[in-house]
N, C-alpha and C. Protein backbone atom coordinates (compact mmCIF):
# COMPACT_ATOMS: atom_id res chain seq x y z
N MET A 1 -6.08 12.41 12.82
CA MET A 1 -5.02 11.94 11.96
C MET A 1 -5.02 10.42 11.93
N SER A 2 -4.90 9.87 10.74
CA SER A 2 -4.85 8.42 10.56
C SER A 2 -3.53 8.04 9.93
N ALA A 3 -3.19 6.77 10.09
CA ALA A 3 -1.98 6.23 9.46
C ALA A 3 -2.40 5.36 8.28
N LEU A 4 -1.87 5.69 7.11
CA LEU A 4 -2.19 4.96 5.89
C LEU A 4 -0.99 4.13 5.47
N CYS A 5 -1.20 2.84 5.34
CA CYS A 5 -0.17 1.94 4.84
C CYS A 5 -0.30 1.89 3.32
N VAL A 6 0.80 2.16 2.63
CA VAL A 6 0.80 2.12 1.17
C VAL A 6 1.71 0.99 0.71
N TYR A 7 1.13 0.08 -0.07
CA TYR A 7 1.89 -0.99 -0.69
C TYR A 7 2.17 -0.58 -2.13
N CYS A 8 3.42 -0.69 -2.57
CA CYS A 8 3.76 -0.33 -3.94
C CYS A 8 5.13 -0.88 -4.30
N ALA A 9 5.51 -0.66 -5.55
CA ALA A 9 6.75 -1.22 -6.09
C ALA A 9 8.00 -0.58 -5.49
N SER A 10 9.02 -1.40 -5.37
CA SER A 10 10.35 -0.89 -5.02
C SER A 10 11.34 -1.16 -6.14
N SER A 11 10.81 -1.55 -7.29
CA SER A 11 11.64 -1.81 -8.46
C SER A 11 11.90 -0.50 -9.20
N ASP A 12 13.13 -0.29 -9.60
CA ASP A 12 13.44 0.97 -10.29
C ASP A 12 13.44 0.83 -11.81
N SER A 13 12.87 -0.25 -12.31
CA SER A 13 12.83 -0.43 -13.76
C SER A 13 11.39 -0.33 -14.29
N ILE A 14 10.61 0.58 -13.70
CA ILE A 14 9.20 0.71 -14.08
C ILE A 14 8.94 2.04 -14.77
N ASP A 15 7.77 2.16 -15.35
CA ASP A 15 7.34 3.38 -16.00
C ASP A 15 7.33 4.52 -14.98
N PRO A 16 7.97 5.65 -15.29
CA PRO A 16 8.00 6.79 -14.36
C PRO A 16 6.62 7.31 -13.98
N ALA A 17 5.60 7.03 -14.78
CA ALA A 17 4.24 7.47 -14.43
C ALA A 17 3.79 6.84 -13.11
N TYR A 18 4.25 5.63 -12.82
CA TYR A 18 3.89 4.99 -11.56
C TYR A 18 4.60 5.65 -10.38
N VAL A 19 5.82 6.08 -10.60
CA VAL A 19 6.55 6.81 -9.56
C VAL A 19 5.83 8.13 -9.28
N ASP A 20 5.36 8.78 -10.33
CA ASP A 20 4.60 10.02 -10.17
C ASP A 20 3.29 9.77 -9.40
N LEU A 21 2.63 8.65 -9.69
CA LEU A 21 1.41 8.30 -8.97
C LEU A 21 1.70 8.16 -7.47
N ALA A 22 2.79 7.47 -7.15
CA ALA A 22 3.16 7.29 -5.75
C ALA A 22 3.43 8.64 -5.08
N ALA A 23 4.11 9.52 -5.79
CA ALA A 23 4.38 10.86 -5.23
C ALA A 23 3.07 11.61 -4.99
N SER A 24 2.11 11.45 -5.89
CA SER A 24 0.81 12.10 -5.70
C SER A 24 0.11 11.58 -4.45
N VAL A 25 0.22 10.29 -4.21
CA VAL A 25 -0.37 9.70 -3.00
C VAL A 25 0.34 10.25 -1.77
N GLY A 26 1.66 10.33 -1.81
CA GLY A 26 2.41 10.89 -0.68
C GLY A 26 2.02 12.31 -0.38
N SER A 27 1.87 13.12 -1.42
CA SER A 27 1.45 14.52 -1.24
C SER A 27 0.05 14.59 -0.64
N ALA A 28 -0.83 13.71 -1.09
CA ALA A 28 -2.20 13.69 -0.55
C ALA A 28 -2.21 13.27 0.91
N ILE A 29 -1.37 12.33 1.28
CA ILE A 29 -1.26 11.93 2.69
C ILE A 29 -0.90 13.14 3.53
N ALA A 30 0.10 13.88 3.08
CA ALA A 30 0.55 15.06 3.83
C ALA A 30 -0.52 16.14 3.87
N SER A 31 -1.14 16.44 2.74
CA SER A 31 -2.11 17.53 2.70
C SER A 31 -3.34 17.24 3.54
N ARG A 32 -3.60 15.97 3.78
CA ARG A 32 -4.75 15.58 4.60
C ARG A 32 -4.36 15.36 6.07
N GLY A 33 -3.08 15.53 6.39
CA GLY A 33 -2.63 15.44 7.77
C GLY A 33 -2.46 14.03 8.30
N HIS A 34 -2.21 13.07 7.42
CA HIS A 34 -2.06 11.68 7.83
C HIS A 34 -0.60 11.27 7.95
N THR A 35 -0.38 10.11 8.50
CA THR A 35 0.93 9.48 8.61
C THR A 35 1.04 8.42 7.52
N LEU A 36 2.23 8.28 6.95
CA LEU A 36 2.50 7.21 5.99
C LEU A 36 3.20 6.06 6.69
N VAL A 37 2.71 4.86 6.45
CA VAL A 37 3.41 3.63 6.84
C VAL A 37 3.78 2.94 5.54
N SER A 38 5.06 2.61 5.38
CA SER A 38 5.50 1.98 4.13
C SER A 38 6.51 0.88 4.43
N GLY A 39 6.96 0.26 3.35
CA GLY A 39 7.90 -0.85 3.46
C GLY A 39 9.32 -0.45 3.75
N GLY A 40 9.59 0.83 3.94
CA GLY A 40 10.89 1.28 4.42
C GLY A 40 11.98 1.39 3.38
N GLY A 41 11.63 1.32 2.09
CA GLY A 41 12.63 1.50 1.04
C GLY A 41 12.62 2.93 0.53
N ARG A 42 13.74 3.35 -0.07
CA ARG A 42 13.79 4.73 -0.58
C ARG A 42 13.92 4.80 -2.10
N VAL A 43 13.69 3.69 -2.78
CA VAL A 43 13.79 3.68 -4.24
C VAL A 43 12.41 3.52 -4.86
N SER A 44 12.32 3.86 -6.12
CA SER A 44 11.14 3.66 -6.93
C SER A 44 9.89 4.28 -6.30
N MET A 45 8.76 3.60 -6.42
CA MET A 45 7.50 4.11 -5.91
C MET A 45 7.53 4.25 -4.39
N MET A 46 8.15 3.27 -3.72
CA MET A 46 8.20 3.30 -2.27
C MET A 46 8.92 4.56 -1.78
N GLY A 47 10.02 4.89 -2.43
CA GLY A 47 10.75 6.09 -2.06
C GLY A 47 9.98 7.35 -2.42
N ALA A 48 9.32 7.34 -3.57
CA ALA A 48 8.58 8.52 -4.02
C ALA A 48 7.44 8.88 -3.08
N VAL A 49 6.69 7.88 -2.64
CA VAL A 49 5.58 8.16 -1.74
C VAL A 49 6.10 8.72 -0.42
N ALA A 50 7.19 8.18 0.08
CA ALA A 50 7.75 8.65 1.35
C ALA A 50 8.32 10.06 1.23
N ARG A 51 9.08 10.31 0.17
CA ARG A 51 9.65 11.65 -0.02
C ARG A 51 8.56 12.72 -0.15
N ALA A 52 7.55 12.42 -0.94
CA ALA A 52 6.47 13.39 -1.13
C ALA A 52 5.69 13.62 0.16
N ALA A 53 5.46 12.56 0.91
CA ALA A 53 4.76 12.71 2.20
C ALA A 53 5.56 13.60 3.14
N ARG A 54 6.86 13.32 3.24
CA ARG A 54 7.72 14.13 4.13
C ARG A 54 7.80 15.57 3.64
N ALA A 55 7.92 15.76 2.33
CA ALA A 55 8.01 17.12 1.78
C ALA A 55 6.79 17.95 2.14
N GLY A 56 5.65 17.28 2.29
CA GLY A 56 4.43 17.97 2.67
C GLY A 56 4.22 18.05 4.17
N GLY A 57 5.14 17.51 4.95
CA GLY A 57 5.06 17.60 6.41
C GLY A 57 4.48 16.39 7.11
N ALA A 58 4.23 15.31 6.38
CA ALA A 58 3.68 14.11 7.01
C ALA A 58 4.75 13.36 7.79
N HIS A 59 4.32 12.67 8.81
CA HIS A 59 5.17 11.76 9.56
C HIS A 59 5.28 10.47 8.75
N THR A 60 6.48 9.92 8.61
CA THR A 60 6.67 8.70 7.84
C THR A 60 7.27 7.60 8.69
N VAL A 61 6.71 6.41 8.54
CA VAL A 61 7.18 5.23 9.25
C VAL A 61 7.55 4.19 8.19
N GLY A 62 8.79 3.76 8.18
CA GLY A 62 9.23 2.72 7.27
C GLY A 62 9.56 1.46 8.05
N VAL A 63 9.11 0.32 7.53
CA VAL A 63 9.34 -0.96 8.21
C VAL A 63 10.01 -1.89 7.20
N ILE A 64 11.23 -2.31 7.49
CA ILE A 64 11.99 -3.09 6.52
C ILE A 64 12.73 -4.22 7.21
N PRO A 65 12.70 -5.42 6.62
CA PRO A 65 13.50 -6.51 7.18
C PRO A 65 14.99 -6.25 6.93
N GLN A 66 15.79 -6.64 7.88
CA GLN A 66 17.24 -6.46 7.77
C GLN A 66 17.76 -7.01 6.45
N HIS A 67 17.24 -8.15 6.04
CA HIS A 67 17.68 -8.80 4.81
C HIS A 67 17.49 -7.91 3.57
N LEU A 68 16.47 -7.04 3.58
CA LEU A 68 16.18 -6.20 2.42
C LEU A 68 16.86 -4.84 2.45
N VAL A 69 17.49 -4.50 3.55
CA VAL A 69 18.11 -3.18 3.66
C VAL A 69 19.02 -2.88 2.47
N PRO A 70 19.91 -3.79 2.07
CA PRO A 70 20.77 -3.47 0.94
C PRO A 70 20.04 -3.46 -0.41
N PHE A 71 18.95 -4.22 -0.55
CA PHE A 71 18.24 -4.32 -1.83
C PHE A 71 17.27 -3.17 -2.05
N GLU A 72 16.51 -2.83 -1.04
CA GLU A 72 15.51 -1.77 -1.17
C GLU A 72 16.06 -0.43 -0.71
N VAL A 73 17.31 -0.40 -0.35
CA VAL A 73 18.00 0.80 0.08
C VAL A 73 17.14 1.51 1.13
N ALA A 74 17.34 1.16 2.37
CA ALA A 74 16.52 1.63 3.48
C ALA A 74 16.34 3.15 3.48
N ASP A 75 15.13 3.57 3.77
CA ASP A 75 14.75 4.98 3.81
C ASP A 75 15.24 5.59 5.13
N THR A 76 16.49 5.93 5.15
CA THR A 76 17.10 6.46 6.39
C THR A 76 16.58 7.85 6.73
N GLU A 77 15.83 8.47 5.83
CA GLU A 77 15.24 9.78 6.11
C GLU A 77 13.87 9.65 6.79
N ALA A 78 13.36 8.42 6.92
CA ALA A 78 12.05 8.22 7.56
C ALA A 78 12.08 8.78 8.97
N ASP A 79 10.94 9.30 9.40
CA ASP A 79 10.85 9.78 10.78
C ASP A 79 11.07 8.62 11.75
N GLU A 80 10.56 7.46 11.37
CA GLU A 80 10.81 6.23 12.12
C GLU A 80 11.17 5.15 11.12
N LEU A 81 12.36 4.60 11.22
CA LEU A 81 12.75 3.47 10.39
C LEU A 81 12.88 2.27 11.33
N ILE A 82 12.00 1.31 11.14
CA ILE A 82 11.97 0.12 11.99
C ILE A 82 12.54 -1.04 11.20
N VAL A 83 13.66 -1.57 11.65
CA VAL A 83 14.31 -2.70 10.99
C VAL A 83 13.94 -3.96 11.78
N VAL A 84 13.33 -4.91 11.08
CA VAL A 84 12.84 -6.14 11.70
C VAL A 84 13.60 -7.33 11.13
N ASP A 85 13.34 -8.50 11.69
CA ASP A 85 14.06 -9.70 11.26
C ASP A 85 13.44 -10.39 10.05
N THR A 86 12.11 -10.38 9.95
CA THR A 86 11.45 -11.19 8.91
C THR A 86 10.37 -10.39 8.18
N MET A 87 9.95 -10.92 7.04
CA MET A 87 8.84 -10.31 6.30
C MET A 87 7.54 -10.41 7.10
N ARG A 88 7.35 -11.50 7.80
CA ARG A 88 6.14 -11.63 8.63
C ARG A 88 6.09 -10.57 9.71
N GLU A 89 7.25 -10.30 10.32
CA GLU A 89 7.31 -9.27 11.35
C GLU A 89 7.06 -7.90 10.71
N ARG A 90 7.61 -7.67 9.53
CA ARG A 90 7.38 -6.41 8.81
C ARG A 90 5.89 -6.18 8.62
N LYS A 91 5.19 -7.18 8.09
CA LYS A 91 3.77 -7.03 7.84
C LYS A 91 2.99 -6.83 9.14
N ARG A 92 3.38 -7.54 10.19
CA ARG A 92 2.69 -7.38 11.47
C ARG A 92 2.82 -5.95 11.98
N VAL A 93 4.02 -5.41 11.94
CA VAL A 93 4.24 -4.03 12.41
C VAL A 93 3.48 -3.04 11.53
N MET A 94 3.54 -3.23 10.22
CA MET A 94 2.81 -2.34 9.32
C MET A 94 1.31 -2.41 9.59
N ASP A 95 0.79 -3.61 9.79
CA ASP A 95 -0.64 -3.78 10.09
C ASP A 95 -1.02 -3.06 11.38
N GLU A 96 -0.21 -3.25 12.42
CA GLU A 96 -0.51 -2.65 13.72
C GLU A 96 -0.42 -1.13 13.70
N ARG A 97 0.46 -0.59 12.89
CA ARG A 97 0.68 0.86 12.86
C ARG A 97 -0.27 1.59 11.92
N SER A 98 -1.13 0.86 11.20
CA SER A 98 -1.97 1.46 10.15
C SER A 98 -3.45 1.40 10.49
N ASP A 99 -4.16 2.42 9.98
CA ASP A 99 -5.61 2.49 10.12
C ASP A 99 -6.33 2.14 8.82
N ALA A 100 -5.60 2.14 7.71
CA ALA A 100 -6.16 1.83 6.40
C ALA A 100 -5.02 1.40 5.49
N PHE A 101 -5.38 0.74 4.37
CA PHE A 101 -4.38 0.16 3.48
C PHE A 101 -4.71 0.51 2.04
N LEU A 102 -3.68 0.92 1.29
CA LEU A 102 -3.85 1.29 -0.11
C LEU A 102 -2.77 0.62 -0.93
N ALA A 103 -3.19 -0.16 -1.92
CA ALA A 103 -2.24 -0.78 -2.84
C ALA A 103 -2.20 0.01 -4.13
N LEU A 104 -0.99 0.30 -4.56
CA LEU A 104 -0.73 0.91 -5.86
C LEU A 104 -0.18 -0.19 -6.76
N PRO A 105 0.08 0.10 -8.03
CA PRO A 105 0.72 -0.92 -8.85
C PRO A 105 2.03 -1.40 -8.22
N GLY A 106 2.29 -2.67 -8.36
CA GLY A 106 3.51 -3.24 -7.80
C GLY A 106 3.69 -4.67 -8.25
N GLY A 107 4.70 -5.31 -7.72
CA GLY A 107 5.04 -6.67 -8.10
C GLY A 107 4.53 -7.69 -7.11
N LEU A 108 5.27 -8.78 -6.99
CA LEU A 108 4.85 -9.89 -6.14
C LEU A 108 4.67 -9.49 -4.68
N GLY A 109 5.57 -8.68 -4.16
CA GLY A 109 5.46 -8.25 -2.76
C GLY A 109 4.19 -7.45 -2.51
N THR A 110 3.92 -6.52 -3.40
CA THR A 110 2.70 -5.71 -3.28
C THR A 110 1.46 -6.59 -3.36
N PHE A 111 1.48 -7.50 -4.32
CA PHE A 111 0.34 -8.40 -4.52
C PHE A 111 0.12 -9.27 -3.28
N GLU A 112 1.19 -9.81 -2.73
CA GLU A 112 1.08 -10.67 -1.55
C GLU A 112 0.56 -9.89 -0.35
N GLU A 113 1.08 -8.68 -0.16
CA GLU A 113 0.63 -7.86 0.97
C GLU A 113 -0.85 -7.49 0.82
N LEU A 114 -1.24 -7.12 -0.39
CA LEU A 114 -2.64 -6.79 -0.64
C LEU A 114 -3.55 -7.97 -0.35
N LEU A 115 -3.22 -9.13 -0.88
CA LEU A 115 -4.08 -10.29 -0.68
C LEU A 115 -4.20 -10.65 0.80
N GLU A 116 -3.11 -10.57 1.53
CA GLU A 116 -3.17 -10.93 2.95
C GLU A 116 -4.03 -9.95 3.76
N ILE A 117 -3.83 -8.64 3.55
CA ILE A 117 -4.58 -7.68 4.35
C ILE A 117 -6.05 -7.67 3.95
N TRP A 118 -6.33 -7.87 2.66
CA TRP A 118 -7.72 -7.94 2.18
C TRP A 118 -8.39 -9.19 2.71
N THR A 119 -7.72 -10.33 2.66
CA THR A 119 -8.29 -11.57 3.18
C THR A 119 -8.62 -11.43 4.66
N SER A 120 -7.70 -10.88 5.43
CA SER A 120 -7.96 -10.74 6.87
C SER A 120 -9.09 -9.76 7.13
N ALA A 121 -9.28 -8.77 6.25
CA ALA A 121 -10.41 -7.83 6.41
C ALA A 121 -11.73 -8.53 6.17
N TYR A 122 -11.86 -9.26 5.06
CA TYR A 122 -13.17 -9.87 4.79
C TYR A 122 -13.46 -11.04 5.71
N LEU A 123 -12.44 -11.60 6.35
CA LEU A 123 -12.68 -12.65 7.35
C LEU A 123 -13.01 -12.07 8.72
N GLY A 124 -13.03 -10.74 8.82
CA GLY A 124 -13.39 -10.09 10.08
C GLY A 124 -12.26 -10.03 11.10
N MET A 125 -11.03 -10.20 10.65
CA MET A 125 -9.89 -10.18 11.57
C MET A 125 -9.43 -8.76 11.89
N HIS A 126 -9.88 -7.78 11.11
CA HIS A 126 -9.66 -6.37 11.42
C HIS A 126 -10.73 -5.56 10.68
N PRO A 127 -11.05 -4.37 11.20
CA PRO A 127 -12.09 -3.54 10.58
C PRO A 127 -11.55 -2.44 9.65
N LYS A 128 -10.29 -2.52 9.30
CA LYS A 128 -9.63 -1.44 8.55
C LYS A 128 -9.92 -1.55 7.05
N PRO A 129 -10.20 -0.41 6.41
CA PRO A 129 -10.52 -0.44 4.98
C PRO A 129 -9.29 -0.73 4.11
N VAL A 130 -9.54 -1.36 2.97
CA VAL A 130 -8.50 -1.74 2.02
C VAL A 130 -8.95 -1.28 0.63
N ALA A 131 -8.03 -0.61 -0.08
CA ALA A 131 -8.35 -0.14 -1.43
C ALA A 131 -7.18 -0.38 -2.37
N VAL A 132 -7.53 -0.44 -3.65
CA VAL A 132 -6.54 -0.54 -4.72
C VAL A 132 -6.72 0.68 -5.61
N LEU A 133 -5.65 1.43 -5.81
CA LEU A 133 -5.66 2.57 -6.71
C LEU A 133 -5.12 2.10 -8.06
N ASP A 134 -6.00 2.06 -9.05
CA ASP A 134 -5.69 1.49 -10.36
C ASP A 134 -6.13 2.46 -11.46
N PRO A 135 -5.35 3.52 -11.70
CA PRO A 135 -5.78 4.54 -12.64
C PRO A 135 -5.71 4.16 -14.11
N ASP A 136 -4.95 3.12 -14.45
CA ASP A 136 -4.73 2.83 -15.86
C ASP A 136 -4.99 1.38 -16.26
N GLY A 137 -5.68 0.63 -15.43
CA GLY A 137 -5.98 -0.75 -15.77
C GLY A 137 -4.88 -1.74 -15.44
N PHE A 138 -3.91 -1.33 -14.63
CA PHE A 138 -2.81 -2.21 -14.23
C PHE A 138 -3.34 -3.54 -13.69
N TYR A 139 -4.40 -3.47 -12.91
CA TYR A 139 -4.95 -4.66 -12.25
C TYR A 139 -6.11 -5.30 -13.02
N ASP A 140 -6.33 -4.95 -14.27
CA ASP A 140 -7.46 -5.50 -15.02
C ASP A 140 -7.49 -7.03 -15.00
N GLY A 141 -6.35 -7.67 -15.17
CA GLY A 141 -6.29 -9.13 -15.14
C GLY A 141 -6.75 -9.70 -13.81
N LEU A 142 -6.41 -9.01 -12.73
CA LEU A 142 -6.84 -9.45 -11.40
C LEU A 142 -8.36 -9.36 -11.28
N TRP A 143 -8.93 -8.24 -11.78
CA TRP A 143 -10.39 -8.09 -11.65
C TRP A 143 -11.11 -9.18 -12.43
N VAL A 144 -10.61 -9.52 -13.60
CA VAL A 144 -11.21 -10.60 -14.40
C VAL A 144 -11.10 -11.92 -13.64
N TYR A 145 -9.93 -12.20 -13.10
CA TYR A 145 -9.72 -13.43 -12.34
C TYR A 145 -10.65 -13.51 -11.13
N LEU A 146 -10.78 -12.41 -10.40
CA LEU A 146 -11.65 -12.40 -9.22
C LEU A 146 -13.11 -12.62 -9.61
N ASP A 147 -13.54 -12.02 -10.71
CA ASP A 147 -14.91 -12.26 -11.19
C ASP A 147 -15.10 -13.74 -11.54
N THR A 148 -14.09 -14.34 -12.15
CA THR A 148 -14.16 -15.77 -12.48
C THR A 148 -14.27 -16.61 -11.20
N LEU A 149 -13.47 -16.26 -10.20
CA LEU A 149 -13.54 -16.99 -8.92
C LEU A 149 -14.94 -16.88 -8.31
N ARG A 150 -15.51 -15.68 -8.37
CA ARG A 150 -16.87 -15.50 -7.84
C ARG A 150 -17.87 -16.31 -8.66
N ASP A 151 -17.78 -16.22 -9.98
CA ASP A 151 -18.73 -16.91 -10.85
C ASP A 151 -18.67 -18.42 -10.68
N LYS A 152 -17.53 -18.95 -10.34
CA LYS A 152 -17.37 -20.40 -10.16
C LYS A 152 -17.58 -20.83 -8.70
N GLY A 153 -17.93 -19.88 -7.83
CA GLY A 153 -18.27 -20.20 -6.46
C GLY A 153 -17.11 -20.27 -5.48
N PHE A 154 -15.94 -19.85 -5.90
CA PHE A 154 -14.78 -19.92 -5.01
C PHE A 154 -14.63 -18.71 -4.10
N VAL A 155 -15.26 -17.60 -4.48
CA VAL A 155 -15.20 -16.36 -3.69
C VAL A 155 -16.60 -15.80 -3.62
N ARG A 156 -17.00 -15.38 -2.44
CA ARG A 156 -18.33 -14.78 -2.28
C ARG A 156 -18.27 -13.28 -2.61
N GLN A 157 -19.39 -12.76 -3.01
CA GLN A 157 -19.46 -11.35 -3.39
C GLN A 157 -19.06 -10.45 -2.22
N TYR A 158 -19.43 -10.81 -0.99
CA TYR A 158 -19.09 -9.94 0.14
C TYR A 158 -17.58 -9.81 0.30
N ALA A 159 -16.83 -10.84 -0.09
CA ALA A 159 -15.37 -10.76 -0.03
C ALA A 159 -14.88 -9.74 -1.06
N LEU A 160 -15.45 -9.78 -2.25
CA LEU A 160 -15.06 -8.82 -3.28
C LEU A 160 -15.45 -7.40 -2.87
N ASP A 161 -16.58 -7.28 -2.19
CA ASP A 161 -17.04 -5.97 -1.75
C ASP A 161 -16.16 -5.36 -0.66
N ALA A 162 -15.36 -6.18 0.00
CA ALA A 162 -14.47 -5.68 1.06
C ALA A 162 -13.24 -4.97 0.49
N LEU A 163 -13.05 -5.04 -0.81
CA LEU A 163 -11.92 -4.39 -1.46
C LEU A 163 -12.45 -3.25 -2.34
N HIS A 164 -12.03 -2.04 -2.04
CA HIS A 164 -12.45 -0.87 -2.81
C HIS A 164 -11.52 -0.70 -4.01
N ARG A 165 -12.10 -0.61 -5.19
CA ARG A 165 -11.33 -0.40 -6.42
C ARG A 165 -11.59 1.00 -6.92
N VAL A 166 -10.53 1.80 -7.05
CA VAL A 166 -10.68 3.20 -7.43
C VAL A 166 -9.65 3.56 -8.49
N THR A 167 -9.90 4.69 -9.16
CA THR A 167 -9.02 5.10 -10.25
C THR A 167 -8.33 6.44 -10.02
N THR A 168 -8.69 7.15 -8.94
CA THR A 168 -8.05 8.44 -8.66
C THR A 168 -7.59 8.50 -7.21
N VAL A 169 -6.65 9.38 -6.96
CA VAL A 169 -6.14 9.56 -5.60
C VAL A 169 -7.26 10.03 -4.68
N ASP A 170 -8.05 11.00 -5.11
CA ASP A 170 -9.15 11.49 -4.27
C ASP A 170 -10.15 10.39 -3.97
N ALA A 171 -10.46 9.55 -4.96
CA ALA A 171 -11.39 8.44 -4.74
C ALA A 171 -10.82 7.44 -3.76
N ALA A 172 -9.51 7.25 -3.78
CA ALA A 172 -8.87 6.32 -2.83
C ALA A 172 -9.07 6.80 -1.40
N PHE A 173 -8.82 8.08 -1.17
CA PHE A 173 -8.98 8.60 0.19
C PHE A 173 -10.44 8.58 0.63
N ALA A 174 -11.35 8.84 -0.30
CA ALA A 174 -12.78 8.76 0.03
C ALA A 174 -13.17 7.33 0.37
N ALA A 175 -12.72 6.37 -0.42
CA ALA A 175 -13.07 4.96 -0.17
C ALA A 175 -12.53 4.49 1.17
N LEU A 176 -11.38 5.02 1.56
CA LEU A 176 -10.77 4.62 2.84
C LEU A 176 -11.30 5.43 4.02
N GLY A 177 -12.15 6.38 3.75
CA GLY A 177 -12.70 7.21 4.83
C GLY A 177 -11.68 8.18 5.40
N LEU A 178 -10.71 8.57 4.58
CA LEU A 178 -9.65 9.47 5.04
C LEU A 178 -9.83 10.83 4.39
């Protein structure tokens, strides 16, 4: 059994298809016998992935800063809800509790978490796989930007190769070795 950290939106003003995607990931975590590590919110995609994982019998770990408890509506149904003081502490706990990382569509928080965990992976600071599940081109602008950075010499190809880009839930689990 492995622990998968899922980064995703906690905004409730998004297309319901993304919430469904998160639920599909949660169900897949459970059906494969893994643990979910998430940002500890119970709304939007973050809540959907946790509810679906629990519904399938997965153990869920939510990590949320005290400051965000009222905004992200803490997932009090989590098997473990860890309330921390800062965002840095949240990310540290999520990193330590996870064996792999999967980013779904999301906003600034998701983007920041993805970039940090991916950067630390390609710098050799941890050996854990990192993937982005992008079934509908949500991240197309990012891929273009990253190719531009590589073409202009700011990013090496091996750094880009450290991030798995996939379009299906099954491909995400395969890329992460789960």
